[in-house]
């Protein structure tokens, strides 16, 4: 079905979009803001200045009504995305309050897949996020909100030296399959610049969330 026909069906109320609230987390310079710009502009070319010259965010931001169509999912996604900065001071805010209080359908933890020197740091941060959300944090500790699905998304997959899915799983101690840590946790790689991979991650998330 053409994009125009699909848009008309939604405008007439003949199709109902799927609404999701997502939280973007990750280290500084991992690629969170570039991913957010890609979600805002799914069809933009890789040469678009706001993608190529993206600067890291230093303050939390929220973007509403981001419309994404997925090939293998019948409903259009309407996203509300919370982008939290990844510098050290901001991470303390995640841990101390936001993660426990925010009502979100899923978490996307962005990792620079070409920066293996920071994998250890990113793994520690991810384990802290899982602990704050609830469920197993990798050390057998658990608490309440274990039902929120989490995607580990390896950005910058188009950069030389970037690891693939198996490399990320190994670096972050994530076994294959779901449910091993008490929650749905998926691993994907892609490029926000080229516009690859993120739709697969969103498709995985949407199939694991409840109706809102």
N, C-alpha and C. Protein backbone atom coordinates (compact mmCIF):
# COMPACT_ATOMS: atom_id res chain seq x y z
N UNK A 1 0.85 -1.19 0.00
CA UNK A 1 0.00 0.00 0.00
C UNK A 1 0.88 1.24 0.00
N UNK A 2 0.50 2.25 -0.80
CA UNK A 2 1.31 3.46 -0.89
C UNK A 2 1.28 4.25 0.41
N UNK A 3 2.30 5.09 0.57
CA UNK A 3 2.35 5.95 1.76
C UNK A 3 1.16 6.89 1.81
N UNK A 4 0.74 7.41 0.66
CA UNK A 4 -0.40 8.32 0.61
C UNK A 4 -1.68 7.61 1.05
N UNK A 5 -1.89 6.38 0.57
CA UNK A 5 -3.08 5.63 0.95
C UNK A 5 -3.08 5.31 2.44
N UNK A 6 -1.91 4.94 2.96
CA UNK A 6 -1.80 4.63 4.39
C UNK A 6 -2.11 5.86 5.22
N UNK A 7 -1.56 7.01 4.84
CA UNK A 7 -1.81 8.25 5.56
C UNK A 7 -3.29 8.60 5.55
N UNK A 8 -3.97 8.39 4.42
CA UNK A 8 -5.40 8.66 4.31
C UNK A 8 -6.21 7.79 5.26
N UNK A 9 -5.84 6.51 5.37
CA UNK A 9 -6.56 5.61 6.28
C UNK A 9 -6.46 6.09 7.72
N UNK A 10 -5.29 6.54 8.13
CA UNK A 10 -5.13 7.06 9.49
C UNK A 10 -5.89 8.37 9.67
N UNK A 11 -5.89 9.22 8.64
CA UNK A 11 -6.59 10.50 8.73
C UNK A 11 -8.10 10.29 8.87
N UNK A 12 -8.61 9.25 8.23
CA UNK A 12 -10.05 8.96 8.29
C UNK A 12 -10.43 8.14 9.52
N UNK A 13 -9.45 7.76 10.30
CA UNK A 13 -9.73 6.98 11.50
C UNK A 13 -10.00 5.51 11.22
N UNK A 14 -9.63 5.04 10.03
CA UNK A 14 -9.87 3.64 9.66
C UNK A 14 -8.74 2.73 10.14
N UNK A 15 -7.66 3.34 10.57
CA UNK A 15 -6.58 2.60 11.22
C UNK A 15 -6.17 3.35 12.48
N UNK A 16 -5.81 2.60 13.51
CA UNK A 16 -5.40 3.20 14.77
C UNK A 16 -3.91 3.00 14.97
N UNK A 17 -3.16 4.06 15.19
CA UNK A 17 -1.71 3.89 15.38
C UNK A 17 -1.39 3.28 16.73
N UNK A 18 -0.23 2.69 16.82
CA UNK A 18 0.30 2.15 18.07
C UNK A 18 1.15 3.23 18.72
N UNK A 19 0.82 3.61 19.96
CA UNK A 19 1.54 4.67 20.65
C UNK A 19 2.52 4.07 21.66
N UNK A 20 3.75 4.53 21.60
CA UNK A 20 4.79 4.04 22.50
C UNK A 20 5.58 5.20 23.09
N UNK A 21 5.96 5.06 24.35
CA UNK A 21 6.88 5.99 24.99
C UNK A 21 8.21 5.26 25.19
N UNK A 22 9.27 5.82 24.65
CA UNK A 22 10.59 5.20 24.71
C UNK A 22 11.58 6.11 25.40
N UNK A 23 12.51 5.49 26.10
CA UNK A 23 13.58 6.20 26.79
C UNK A 23 14.90 5.88 26.11
N UNK A 24 15.60 6.91 25.62
CA UNK A 24 16.92 6.74 25.01
C UNK A 24 18.00 6.99 26.05
N UNK A 25 18.85 5.99 26.25
CA UNK A 25 19.94 6.09 27.21
C UNK A 25 21.24 5.62 26.56
N UNK A 26 22.35 5.92 27.19
CA UNK A 26 23.65 5.50 26.69
C UNK A 26 24.72 6.46 27.14
N UNK A 27 25.98 6.10 26.90
CA UNK A 27 27.08 6.98 27.25
C UNK A 27 27.06 8.23 26.38
N UNK A 28 27.80 9.25 26.81
CA UNK A 28 27.98 10.42 25.97
C UNK A 28 28.66 10.01 24.67
N UNK A 29 28.25 10.62 23.58
CA UNK A 29 28.79 10.36 22.23
C UNK A 29 28.47 8.98 21.70
N UNK A 30 27.49 8.30 22.28
CA UNK A 30 27.12 6.98 21.79
C UNK A 30 26.31 7.04 20.51
N UNK A 31 25.61 8.15 20.29
CA UNK A 31 24.78 8.29 19.09
C UNK A 31 23.30 8.45 19.38
N UNK A 32 22.94 8.78 20.61
CA UNK A 32 21.53 8.91 20.99
C UNK A 32 20.84 10.03 20.23
N UNK A 33 21.47 11.20 20.21
CA UNK A 33 20.83 12.36 19.58
C UNK A 33 20.71 12.17 18.07
N UNK A 34 21.70 11.54 17.46
CA UNK A 34 21.61 11.26 16.02
C UNK A 34 20.45 10.30 15.75
N UNK A 35 20.27 9.30 16.61
CA UNK A 35 19.15 8.39 16.46
C UNK A 35 17.83 9.15 16.60
N UNK A 36 17.76 10.07 17.56
CA UNK A 36 16.54 10.86 17.73
C UNK A 36 16.25 11.68 16.48
N UNK A 37 17.29 12.30 15.89
CA UNK A 37 17.09 13.05 14.65
C UNK A 37 16.63 12.14 13.52
N UNK A 38 17.12 10.93 13.49
CA UNK A 38 16.68 9.98 12.46
C UNK A 38 15.21 9.62 12.66
N UNK A 39 14.79 9.43 13.91
CA UNK A 39 13.38 9.14 14.18
C UNK A 39 12.49 10.31 13.79
N UNK A 40 13.01 11.52 13.94
CA UNK A 40 12.26 12.70 13.54
C UNK A 40 12.16 12.83 12.02
N UNK A 41 13.15 12.27 11.31
CA UNK A 41 13.23 12.43 9.86
C UNK A 41 13.60 11.09 9.21
N UNK A 42 12.68 10.13 9.19
CA UNK A 42 13.01 8.78 8.72
C UNK A 42 13.52 8.72 7.28
N UNK A 43 13.08 9.65 6.43
CA UNK A 43 13.46 9.57 5.01
C UNK A 43 14.61 10.50 4.65
N UNK A 44 15.20 11.18 5.62
CA UNK A 44 16.28 12.13 5.33
C UNK A 44 17.51 11.39 4.80
N UNK A 45 18.23 11.98 3.83
CA UNK A 45 19.46 11.34 3.34
C UNK A 45 20.57 11.41 4.37
N UNK A 46 21.53 10.51 4.24
CA UNK A 46 22.66 10.48 5.18
C UNK A 46 23.46 11.77 5.13
N UNK A 47 23.36 12.51 4.03
CA UNK A 47 24.12 13.75 3.89
C UNK A 47 23.46 14.94 4.58
N UNK A 48 22.27 14.75 5.16
CA UNK A 48 21.57 15.86 5.82
C UNK A 48 22.44 16.44 6.93
N UNK A 49 22.63 17.76 6.95
CA UNK A 49 23.52 18.39 7.95
C UNK A 49 23.14 18.07 9.38
N UNK A 50 21.84 17.98 9.69
CA UNK A 50 21.44 17.73 11.08
C UNK A 50 21.77 16.31 11.51
N UNK A 51 22.08 15.43 10.56
CA UNK A 51 22.55 14.09 10.90
C UNK A 51 24.07 14.03 10.93
N UNK A 52 24.70 14.59 9.92
CA UNK A 52 26.16 14.50 9.82
C UNK A 52 26.86 15.36 10.86
N UNK A 53 26.26 16.48 11.21
CA UNK A 53 26.91 17.42 12.12
C UNK A 53 26.20 17.49 13.46
N UNK A 54 25.67 16.38 13.89
CA UNK A 54 24.91 16.33 15.13
C UNK A 54 25.83 16.53 16.34
N UNK A 55 25.41 17.37 17.26
CA UNK A 55 26.18 17.59 18.49
C UNK A 55 25.48 16.91 19.66
N UNK A 56 26.24 16.34 20.60
CA UNK A 56 25.63 15.64 21.74
C UNK A 56 24.76 16.58 22.57
N UNK A 57 23.68 16.01 23.13
CA UNK A 57 22.81 16.80 23.98
C UNK A 57 23.35 16.81 25.41
N UNK A 58 23.18 17.94 26.09
CA UNK A 58 23.63 18.07 27.47
C UNK A 58 22.46 18.20 28.44
N UNK A 59 21.24 18.29 27.89
CA UNK A 59 20.06 18.43 28.72
C UNK A 59 18.99 17.46 28.25
N UNK A 60 18.13 16.99 29.14
CA UNK A 60 17.04 16.09 28.74
C UNK A 60 16.12 16.77 27.74
N UNK A 61 15.57 15.98 26.82
CA UNK A 61 14.60 16.51 25.86
C UNK A 61 13.52 15.46 25.61
N UNK A 62 12.38 15.94 25.17
CA UNK A 62 11.25 15.06 24.85
C UNK A 62 10.72 15.42 23.47
N UNK A 63 10.50 14.40 22.66
CA UNK A 63 9.91 14.61 21.34
C UNK A 63 8.63 13.80 21.24
N UNK A 64 7.54 14.47 20.87
CA UNK A 64 6.23 13.82 20.78
C UNK A 64 5.83 13.63 19.33
N UNK A 65 4.93 12.66 19.13
CA UNK A 65 4.28 12.44 17.83
C UNK A 65 5.27 12.21 16.69
N UNK A 66 6.24 11.34 16.93
CA UNK A 66 7.14 10.90 15.87
C UNK A 66 6.50 9.71 15.17
N UNK A 67 6.23 9.84 13.89
CA UNK A 67 5.50 8.82 13.14
C UNK A 67 6.47 7.92 12.38
N UNK A 68 6.38 6.62 12.62
CA UNK A 68 7.24 5.64 11.97
C UNK A 68 6.37 4.52 11.42
N UNK A 69 6.58 4.15 10.16
CA UNK A 69 5.90 3.00 9.56
C UNK A 69 6.89 1.84 9.44
N UNK A 70 6.48 0.66 9.90
CA UNK A 70 7.32 -0.53 9.83
C UNK A 70 6.73 -1.50 8.81
N UNK A 71 7.59 -2.10 8.00
CA UNK A 71 7.12 -3.00 6.94
C UNK A 71 6.36 -4.20 7.48
N UNK A 72 6.82 -4.75 8.61
CA UNK A 72 6.25 -6.00 9.12
C UNK A 72 5.25 -5.80 10.26
N UNK A 73 4.84 -4.54 10.48
CA UNK A 73 3.88 -4.29 11.55
C UNK A 73 2.71 -3.51 10.96
N UNK A 74 1.46 -3.94 11.21
CA UNK A 74 0.32 -3.37 10.50
C UNK A 74 -0.04 -1.95 10.89
N UNK A 75 0.35 -1.48 12.07
CA UNK A 75 -0.04 -0.15 12.52
C UNK A 75 1.15 0.80 12.50
N UNK A 76 0.85 2.05 12.21
CA UNK A 76 1.87 3.09 12.30
C UNK A 76 2.24 3.30 13.77
N UNK A 77 3.53 3.53 14.02
CA UNK A 77 3.98 3.86 15.37
C UNK A 77 3.94 5.36 15.56
N UNK A 78 3.43 5.77 16.71
CA UNK A 78 3.51 7.17 17.12
C UNK A 78 4.32 7.18 18.41
N UNK A 79 5.52 7.75 18.34
CA UNK A 79 6.47 7.64 19.44
C UNK A 79 6.53 8.93 20.25
N UNK A 80 6.66 8.74 21.55
CA UNK A 80 7.09 9.82 22.44
C UNK A 80 8.45 9.38 22.97
N UNK A 81 9.49 10.15 22.69
CA UNK A 81 10.85 9.74 22.99
C UNK A 81 11.47 10.70 24.00
N UNK A 82 11.98 10.13 25.09
CA UNK A 82 12.72 10.90 26.09
C UNK A 82 14.21 10.65 25.86
N UNK A 83 14.94 11.69 25.54
CA UNK A 83 16.38 11.58 25.28
C UNK A 83 17.12 12.17 26.48
N UNK A 84 17.81 11.31 27.23
CA UNK A 84 18.56 11.78 28.40
C UNK A 84 20.04 11.82 28.07
N UNK A 85 20.73 12.89 28.43
CA UNK A 85 22.16 12.99 28.14
C UNK A 85 22.96 11.91 28.86
N UNK A 86 24.15 11.59 28.32
CA UNK A 86 24.91 10.47 28.84
C UNK A 86 26.15 10.81 29.63
N UNK A 87 26.38 12.09 29.93
CA UNK A 87 27.57 12.41 30.72
C UNK A 87 27.40 11.94 32.16
N UNK A 88 28.48 11.89 32.89
CA UNK A 88 28.50 11.23 34.21
C UNK A 88 27.46 11.83 35.16
N UNK A 89 27.37 13.15 35.22
CA UNK A 89 26.42 13.79 36.14
C UNK A 89 24.99 13.39 35.81
N UNK A 90 24.67 13.30 34.51
CA UNK A 90 23.31 12.93 34.10
C UNK A 90 23.00 11.49 34.49
N UNK A 91 24.01 10.63 34.42
CA UNK A 91 23.77 9.22 34.77
C UNK A 91 23.36 9.07 36.23
N UNK A 92 23.88 9.93 37.10
CA UNK A 92 23.47 9.90 38.50
C UNK A 92 21.98 10.22 38.63
N UNK A 93 21.50 11.12 37.78
CA UNK A 93 20.08 11.47 37.79
C UNK A 93 19.23 10.29 37.34
N UNK A 94 19.69 9.56 36.31
CA UNK A 94 18.97 8.35 35.90
C UNK A 94 18.78 7.44 37.11
N UNK A 95 19.92 7.15 37.75
CA UNK A 95 19.95 6.15 38.82
C UNK A 95 19.12 6.57 40.02
N UNK A 96 19.20 7.85 40.36
CA UNK A 96 18.61 8.29 41.61
C UNK A 96 17.11 8.54 41.53
N UNK A 97 16.59 8.85 40.34
CA UNK A 97 15.17 9.18 40.31
C UNK A 97 14.46 8.79 39.04
N UNK A 98 14.98 9.19 37.88
CA UNK A 98 14.19 9.09 36.67
C UNK A 98 13.79 7.67 36.30
N UNK A 99 14.71 6.72 36.37
CA UNK A 99 14.41 5.37 35.93
C UNK A 99 13.33 4.72 36.77
N UNK A 100 13.30 5.04 38.05
CA UNK A 100 12.29 4.45 38.93
C UNK A 100 10.91 5.05 38.71
N UNK A 101 10.86 6.31 38.23
CA UNK A 101 9.60 7.04 38.19
C UNK A 101 8.99 7.17 36.80
N UNK A 102 9.78 7.09 35.75
CA UNK A 102 9.26 7.36 34.42
C UNK A 102 8.39 6.20 33.92
N UNK A 103 7.26 6.55 33.33
CA UNK A 103 6.34 5.56 32.77
C UNK A 103 6.64 5.42 31.29
N UNK A 104 7.43 4.41 30.93
CA UNK A 104 7.80 4.19 29.53
C UNK A 104 7.49 2.76 29.14
N UNK A 105 7.33 2.56 27.82
CA UNK A 105 7.04 1.23 27.29
C UNK A 105 8.30 0.44 26.98
N UNK A 106 9.39 1.13 26.76
CA UNK A 106 10.63 0.45 26.42
C UNK A 106 11.82 1.37 26.57
N UNK A 107 13.00 0.75 26.67
CA UNK A 107 14.26 1.49 26.79
C UNK A 107 15.16 1.09 25.64
N UNK A 108 15.77 2.09 25.00
CA UNK A 108 16.78 1.85 23.97
C UNK A 108 18.12 2.33 24.53
N UNK A 109 19.02 1.38 24.78
CA UNK A 109 20.35 1.72 25.28
C UNK A 109 21.30 1.73 24.09
N UNK A 110 21.79 2.92 23.76
CA UNK A 110 22.61 3.10 22.56
C UNK A 110 24.09 2.94 22.91
N UNK A 111 24.78 2.13 22.11
CA UNK A 111 26.21 1.87 22.30
C UNK A 111 26.94 2.22 21.01
N UNK A 112 28.04 2.90 21.10
CA UNK A 112 28.89 3.13 19.93
C UNK A 112 29.60 1.82 19.62
N UNK A 113 29.13 1.13 18.60
CA UNK A 113 29.66 -0.21 18.31
C UNK A 113 31.07 -0.18 17.74
N UNK A 114 31.58 1.01 17.43
CA UNK A 114 32.94 1.13 16.91
C UNK A 114 33.93 1.57 17.99
N UNK A 115 33.44 1.77 19.22
CA UNK A 115 34.31 2.25 20.31
C UNK A 115 34.42 1.17 21.38
N UNK A 116 35.16 0.13 21.06
CA UNK A 116 35.26 -1.01 21.98
C UNK A 116 35.96 -0.65 23.29
N UNK A 117 36.74 0.43 23.30
CA UNK A 117 37.44 0.81 24.53
C UNK A 117 36.47 1.24 25.63
N UNK A 118 35.24 1.60 25.26
CA UNK A 118 34.26 2.03 26.26
C UNK A 118 33.19 0.97 26.54
N UNK A 119 33.36 -0.23 25.98
CA UNK A 119 32.36 -1.27 26.21
C UNK A 119 32.25 -1.62 27.70
N UNK A 120 33.38 -1.68 28.38
CA UNK A 120 33.34 -2.01 29.81
C UNK A 120 32.55 -0.98 30.60
N UNK A 121 32.78 0.29 30.32
CA UNK A 121 32.04 1.37 30.98
C UNK A 121 30.55 1.29 30.64
N UNK A 122 30.26 1.06 29.36
CA UNK A 122 28.86 0.97 28.94
C UNK A 122 28.16 -0.23 29.57
N UNK A 123 28.88 -1.33 29.71
CA UNK A 123 28.28 -2.51 30.35
C UNK A 123 27.90 -2.22 31.80
N UNK A 124 28.76 -1.54 32.52
CA UNK A 124 28.44 -1.19 33.91
C UNK A 124 27.20 -0.30 33.98
N UNK A 125 27.11 0.65 33.06
CA UNK A 125 25.96 1.55 33.04
C UNK A 125 24.69 0.76 32.71
N UNK A 126 24.76 -0.13 31.74
CA UNK A 126 23.59 -0.95 31.38
C UNK A 126 23.14 -1.79 32.56
N UNK A 127 24.07 -2.40 33.27
CA UNK A 127 23.70 -3.22 34.43
C UNK A 127 23.00 -2.37 35.49
N UNK A 128 23.48 -1.12 35.66
CA UNK A 128 22.82 -0.23 36.61
C UNK A 128 21.41 0.13 36.17
N UNK A 129 21.21 0.31 34.86
CA UNK A 129 19.88 0.60 34.34
C UNK A 129 18.92 -0.56 34.58
N UNK A 130 19.39 -1.77 34.30
CA UNK A 130 18.54 -2.95 34.49
C UNK A 130 18.18 -3.11 35.97
N UNK A 131 19.13 -2.82 36.83
CA UNK A 131 18.85 -2.91 38.25
C UNK A 131 17.80 -1.87 38.67
N UNK A 132 17.94 -0.63 38.15
CA UNK A 132 17.00 0.43 38.50
C UNK A 132 15.60 0.14 37.98
N UNK A 133 15.52 -0.47 36.80
CA UNK A 133 14.22 -0.79 36.22
C UNK A 133 13.57 -1.99 36.91
N UNK A 134 14.41 -2.86 37.46
CA UNK A 134 13.92 -4.11 38.04
C UNK A 134 14.32 -5.27 37.15
N UNK A 135 14.34 -6.47 37.70
CA UNK A 135 14.82 -7.62 36.96
C UNK A 135 16.29 -7.85 37.25
N UNK A 136 16.85 -8.89 36.71
CA UNK A 136 18.23 -9.28 36.98
C UNK A 136 19.18 -8.29 36.33
N UNK A 137 20.15 -7.80 37.06
CA UNK A 137 21.11 -6.84 36.53
C UNK A 137 22.42 -7.49 36.09
N UNK A 138 22.41 -8.81 36.00
CA UNK A 138 23.63 -9.51 35.60
C UNK A 138 24.40 -10.07 36.76
N UNK A 139 24.03 -9.68 38.01
CA UNK A 139 24.71 -10.19 39.18
C UNK A 139 23.72 -10.87 40.13
N UNK A 140 22.54 -11.21 39.60
CA UNK A 140 21.57 -11.93 40.40
C UNK A 140 20.71 -11.06 41.29
N UNK A 141 20.85 -9.73 41.19
CA UNK A 141 20.06 -8.82 42.01
C UNK A 141 18.81 -8.43 41.23
N UNK A 142 17.69 -8.26 41.92
CA UNK A 142 16.46 -7.93 41.21
C UNK A 142 15.57 -7.05 42.06
N UNK A 143 14.66 -6.33 41.38
CA UNK A 143 13.62 -5.56 42.03
C UNK A 143 12.46 -5.41 41.08
N UNK A 144 11.53 -4.48 41.35
CA UNK A 144 10.19 -4.50 40.82
C UNK A 144 9.89 -4.48 39.34
N UNK A 145 10.34 -3.49 38.54
CA UNK A 145 9.78 -3.28 37.22
C UNK A 145 10.53 -4.08 36.16
N UNK A 146 10.41 -5.41 36.22
CA UNK A 146 11.15 -6.25 35.30
C UNK A 146 10.51 -6.43 33.95
N UNK A 147 9.33 -5.81 33.72
CA UNK A 147 8.62 -6.07 32.48
C UNK A 147 8.94 -5.13 31.34
N UNK A 148 9.70 -4.08 31.57
CA UNK A 148 9.99 -3.12 30.50
C UNK A 148 11.04 -3.71 29.56
N UNK A 149 10.71 -3.90 28.27
CA UNK A 149 11.71 -4.45 27.35
C UNK A 149 12.83 -3.46 27.07
N UNK A 150 14.02 -3.98 26.88
CA UNK A 150 15.21 -3.15 26.65
C UNK A 150 15.89 -3.59 25.36
N UNK A 151 16.23 -2.63 24.53
CA UNK A 151 17.04 -2.88 23.33
C UNK A 151 18.43 -2.30 23.55
N UNK A 152 19.44 -3.12 23.32
CA UNK A 152 20.81 -2.63 23.22
C UNK A 152 21.07 -2.42 21.73
N UNK A 153 21.22 -1.17 21.36
CA UNK A 153 21.35 -0.84 19.94
C UNK A 153 22.74 -0.32 19.64
N UNK A 154 23.50 -1.10 18.86
CA UNK A 154 24.84 -0.71 18.48
C UNK A 154 24.80 0.27 17.33
N UNK A 155 25.10 1.53 17.61
CA UNK A 155 25.09 2.56 16.57
C UNK A 155 26.41 2.56 15.81
N UNK A 156 26.45 3.34 14.74
CA UNK A 156 27.66 3.56 13.95
C UNK A 156 28.20 2.26 13.35
N UNK A 157 27.26 1.38 12.97
CA UNK A 157 27.66 0.09 12.39
C UNK A 157 28.34 0.25 11.04
N UNK A 158 28.23 1.44 10.45
CA UNK A 158 28.88 1.69 9.16
C UNK A 158 30.32 2.17 9.30
N UNK A 159 30.79 2.31 10.56
CA UNK A 159 32.16 2.76 10.81
C UNK A 159 33.11 1.56 10.83
N UNK A 160 34.28 1.72 10.25
CA UNK A 160 35.26 0.63 10.22
C UNK A 160 35.61 0.19 11.65
N UNK A 161 35.59 -1.12 11.87
CA UNK A 161 35.92 -1.66 13.18
C UNK A 161 34.73 -1.88 14.08
N UNK A 162 33.54 -1.49 13.64
CA UNK A 162 32.34 -1.69 14.46
C UNK A 162 32.05 -3.18 14.62
N UNK A 163 31.63 -3.56 15.82
CA UNK A 163 31.31 -4.97 16.06
C UNK A 163 29.87 -5.24 15.64
N UNK A 164 29.57 -6.51 15.44
CA UNK A 164 28.22 -6.91 15.06
C UNK A 164 27.48 -7.41 16.29
N UNK A 165 26.31 -7.97 16.07
CA UNK A 165 25.44 -8.38 17.18
C UNK A 165 26.15 -9.35 18.12
N UNK A 166 26.79 -10.38 17.56
CA UNK A 166 27.46 -11.37 18.42
C UNK A 166 28.57 -10.72 19.25
N UNK A 167 29.27 -9.75 18.67
CA UNK A 167 30.32 -9.07 19.41
C UNK A 167 29.77 -8.25 20.57
N UNK A 168 28.63 -7.60 20.36
CA UNK A 168 28.00 -6.85 21.44
C UNK A 168 27.51 -7.78 22.54
N UNK A 169 26.91 -8.88 22.15
CA UNK A 169 26.43 -9.85 23.16
C UNK A 169 27.58 -10.33 24.03
N UNK A 170 28.69 -10.64 23.40
CA UNK A 170 29.85 -11.13 24.15
C UNK A 170 30.40 -10.03 25.06
N UNK A 171 30.52 -8.81 24.53
CA UNK A 171 31.10 -7.72 25.31
C UNK A 171 30.23 -7.35 26.51
N UNK A 172 28.92 -7.51 26.38
CA UNK A 172 28.00 -7.11 27.45
C UNK A 172 27.49 -8.30 28.26
N UNK A 173 28.03 -9.49 27.98
CA UNK A 173 27.64 -10.67 28.75
C UNK A 173 26.19 -11.05 28.58
N UNK A 174 25.64 -10.84 27.38
CA UNK A 174 24.23 -11.12 27.12
C UNK A 174 24.11 -12.42 26.35
N UNK A 175 23.41 -13.39 26.92
CA UNK A 175 23.21 -14.65 26.25
C UNK A 175 22.22 -14.52 25.11
N UNK A 176 22.22 -15.50 24.23
CA UNK A 176 21.27 -15.52 23.12
C UNK A 176 19.90 -15.95 23.65
N UNK A 177 18.86 -15.46 23.00
CA UNK A 177 17.51 -15.80 23.45
C UNK A 177 17.02 -14.79 24.46
N UNK A 178 15.74 -14.90 24.80
CA UNK A 178 15.12 -13.94 25.71
C UNK A 178 14.78 -14.61 27.03
N UNK A 179 14.58 -13.78 28.03
CA UNK A 179 14.10 -14.27 29.31
C UNK A 179 15.17 -14.76 30.25
N UNK A 180 16.44 -14.80 29.80
CA UNK A 180 17.50 -15.31 30.67
C UNK A 180 17.76 -14.39 31.85
N UNK A 181 17.45 -13.11 31.70
CA UNK A 181 17.67 -12.17 32.80
C UNK A 181 16.36 -11.65 33.38
N UNK A 182 15.26 -12.34 33.07
CA UNK A 182 13.97 -11.96 33.63
C UNK A 182 13.24 -10.88 32.87
N UNK A 183 13.73 -10.47 31.72
CA UNK A 183 13.04 -9.47 30.91
C UNK A 183 13.34 -9.74 29.44
N UNK A 184 12.58 -9.08 28.55
CA UNK A 184 12.90 -9.13 27.13
C UNK A 184 14.04 -8.17 26.86
N UNK A 185 15.13 -8.67 26.32
CA UNK A 185 16.30 -7.85 26.05
C UNK A 185 16.85 -8.24 24.68
N UNK A 186 16.76 -7.31 23.73
CA UNK A 186 17.21 -7.58 22.37
C UNK A 186 18.45 -6.80 22.02
N UNK A 187 19.24 -7.32 21.10
CA UNK A 187 20.48 -6.67 20.66
C UNK A 187 20.43 -6.48 19.15
N UNK A 188 20.66 -5.24 18.71
CA UNK A 188 20.62 -4.91 17.28
C UNK A 188 21.76 -3.95 16.98
N UNK A 189 22.12 -3.88 15.71
CA UNK A 189 23.12 -2.90 15.27
C UNK A 189 22.58 -2.17 14.05
N UNK A 190 23.10 -0.97 13.82
CA UNK A 190 22.66 -0.20 12.67
C UNK A 190 23.37 1.14 12.61
N UNK A 191 22.90 1.98 11.73
CA UNK A 191 23.48 3.30 11.54
C UNK A 191 22.37 4.34 11.46
N UNK A 192 22.37 5.28 12.39
CA UNK A 192 21.39 6.38 12.32
C UNK A 192 21.66 7.24 11.09
N UNK A 193 22.92 7.40 10.74
CA UNK A 193 23.28 8.22 9.59
C UNK A 193 22.70 7.62 8.31
N UNK A 194 22.91 6.32 8.12
CA UNK A 194 22.42 5.65 6.93
C UNK A 194 20.95 5.24 7.03
N UNK A 195 20.39 5.30 8.24
CA UNK A 195 18.99 4.93 8.42
C UNK A 195 18.77 3.44 8.41
N UNK A 196 19.72 2.67 8.91
CA UNK A 196 19.59 1.21 8.91
C UNK A 196 19.51 0.68 10.34
N UNK A 197 18.83 -0.43 10.51
CA UNK A 197 18.83 -1.15 11.77
C UNK A 197 17.80 -0.70 12.79
N UNK A 198 17.49 0.58 12.84
CA UNK A 198 16.63 1.06 13.92
C UNK A 198 15.19 0.56 13.78
N UNK A 199 14.73 0.34 12.55
CA UNK A 199 13.37 -0.16 12.36
C UNK A 199 13.25 -1.59 12.89
N UNK A 200 14.29 -2.40 12.70
CA UNK A 200 14.26 -3.76 13.26
C UNK A 200 14.16 -3.72 14.78
N UNK A 201 14.91 -2.81 15.39
CA UNK A 201 14.86 -2.68 16.85
C UNK A 201 13.49 -2.23 17.32
N UNK A 202 12.90 -1.26 16.62
CA UNK A 202 11.56 -0.79 16.99
C UNK A 202 10.52 -1.88 16.79
N UNK A 203 10.65 -2.65 15.71
CA UNK A 203 9.72 -3.75 15.47
C UNK A 203 9.78 -4.78 16.58
N UNK A 204 10.99 -5.07 17.03
CA UNK A 204 11.15 -6.02 18.15
C UNK A 204 10.49 -5.47 19.40
N UNK A 205 10.71 -4.18 19.69
CA UNK A 205 10.13 -3.57 20.88
C UNK A 205 8.61 -3.57 20.84
N UNK A 206 8.04 -3.20 19.71
CA UNK A 206 6.60 -3.04 19.65
C UNK A 206 5.87 -4.37 19.83
N UNK A 207 6.52 -5.45 19.45
CA UNK A 207 5.90 -6.76 19.62
C UNK A 207 5.97 -7.23 21.07
N UNK A 208 6.69 -6.52 21.90
CA UNK A 208 6.85 -6.92 23.29
C UNK A 208 6.28 -5.90 24.29
N UNK A 209 5.45 -5.02 23.79
CA UNK A 209 4.83 -4.03 24.65
C UNK A 209 3.33 -4.23 24.68
N UNK A 210 2.72 -3.80 25.76
CA UNK A 210 1.27 -3.89 25.87
C UNK A 210 0.59 -2.77 25.13
N UNK A 211 -0.71 -2.84 25.05
CA UNK A 211 -1.50 -1.80 24.39
C UNK A 211 -1.69 -0.63 25.33
N UNK A 212 -1.46 0.57 24.80
CA UNK A 212 -1.65 1.78 25.60
C UNK A 212 -2.83 2.57 25.06
